[in-house]
């Protein structure tokens, strides 16, 4: 499944999806969105969606309260996003 944990317009994002169901989201605002797999979040199964090449809320994303392994994965994803943005 997918569950959004942080992003610029959390109120407009759908609730977590059901397990093993297709799920799509249309993002209305640029920025970074953090999502995770609810049952595997503790193991670091999460990702970022960057909309419009806009990293303006990356610090907020980095401050999301997560278990240690997930936090470590998030910091790696943030470094990757920053590196990708610099190379464009």
Protein backbone atom coordinates (compact mmCIF):
# COMPACT_ATOMS: atom_id res chain seq x y z
CA UNK A 1 0.00 0.00 0.00
CA UNK A 2 1.00 3.64 0.01
CA UNK A 3 0.50 6.23 2.72
CA UNK A 4 1.57 9.86 2.40
CA UNK A 5 3.51 10.98 5.47
CA UNK A 6 4.40 14.57 4.55
CA UNK A 7 3.94 17.02 1.71
CA UNK A 8 2.82 20.52 0.80
CA UNK A 9 -0.89 19.76 0.62
CA UNK A 10 -1.56 16.90 3.01
CA UNK A 11 -5.22 17.83 3.42
CA UNK A 12 -5.78 17.26 -0.30
CA UNK A 13 -4.03 13.89 -0.46
CA UNK A 14 -6.05 10.69 -0.29
CA UNK A 15 -5.93 8.44 2.77
CA UNK A 16 -3.65 5.43 2.63
CA UNK A 17 -4.42 2.95 -0.10
CA UNK A 18 -5.53 -0.59 0.50
CA UNK A 19 -2.98 -3.37 0.23
CA UNK A 20 -2.56 -4.89 -3.25
CA UNK A 21 -4.78 -2.33 -4.97
CA UNK A 22 -3.74 0.03 -7.76
CA UNK A 23 -3.53 3.60 -6.54
CA UNK A 24 -2.93 6.84 -8.39
CA UNK A 25 -2.61 10.42 -7.21
CA UNK A 26 -2.77 13.70 -9.09
CA UNK A 27 -0.56 16.23 -7.31
CA UNK A 28 -2.00 19.74 -7.24
CA UNK A 29 1.02 21.58 -5.83
CA UNK A 30 4.72 21.44 -6.59
CA UNK A 31 7.02 20.25 -3.85
CA UNK A 32 8.30 17.09 -2.21
CA UNK A 33 5.95 14.38 -0.97
CA UNK A 34 7.06 11.59 1.38
CA UNK A 35 5.25 8.28 1.17
CA UNK A 36 5.72 4.88 2.73
CA UNK A 37 4.38 1.37 2.87
CA UNK A 38 2.47 1.26 6.14
CA UNK A 39 3.34 -2.31 7.18
CA UNK A 40 7.02 -1.93 6.21
CA UNK A 41 7.74 1.65 7.25
CA UNK A 42 9.88 0.50 10.21
CA UNK A 43 12.17 -1.24 7.70
CA UNK A 44 12.59 1.93 5.65
CA UNK A 45 10.22 1.18 2.78
CA UNK A 46 9.50 4.76 1.78
CA UNK A 47 10.13 7.15 -1.07
CA UNK A 48 9.91 10.71 -2.29
CA UNK A 49 7.91 12.20 -5.13
CA UNK A 50 9.29 15.53 -6.38
CA UNK A 51 6.66 17.53 -8.25
CA UNK A 52 7.73 20.36 -10.54
CA UNK A 53 11.41 20.03 -9.60
CA UNK A 54 10.52 22.02 -6.47
CA UNK A 55 12.49 21.18 -3.32
CA UNK A 56 11.17 24.13 -1.30
CA UNK A 57 9.76 21.94 1.51
CA UNK A 58 12.66 19.48 1.73
CA UNK A 59 13.65 20.66 5.25
CA UNK A 60 10.10 19.99 6.45
CA UNK A 61 10.22 16.51 4.90
CA UNK A 62 13.55 15.88 6.65
CA UNK A 63 11.98 16.71 10.01
CA UNK A 64 9.31 14.02 9.70
CA UNK A 65 9.25 11.80 12.79
CA UNK A 66 10.20 8.29 11.68
CA UNK A 67 11.72 5.13 13.17
CA UNK A 68 15.55 5.02 13.02
CA UNK A 69 15.91 2.81 9.93
CA UNK A 70 13.28 4.80 8.01
CA UNK A 71 14.95 8.08 9.05
CA UNK A 72 18.28 6.83 7.70
CA UNK A 73 16.64 5.88 4.38
CA UNK A 74 14.92 9.27 4.24
CA UNK A 75 18.22 11.13 4.72
CA UNK A 76 19.69 9.15 1.82
CA UNK A 77 16.68 9.96 -0.37
CA UNK A 78 17.01 13.66 0.49
CA UNK A 79 20.69 13.65 -0.49
CA UNK A 80 19.77 11.98 -3.78
CA UNK A 81 17.05 14.56 -4.47
CA UNK A 82 19.42 17.44 -3.74
CA UNK A 83 22.12 15.93 -5.94
CA UNK A 84 19.68 15.39 -8.80
CA UNK A 85 18.45 18.97 -8.55
CA UNK A 86 22.02 20.34 -8.70
CA UNK A 87 22.81 18.34 -11.83
CA UNK A 88 19.87 19.82 -13.77
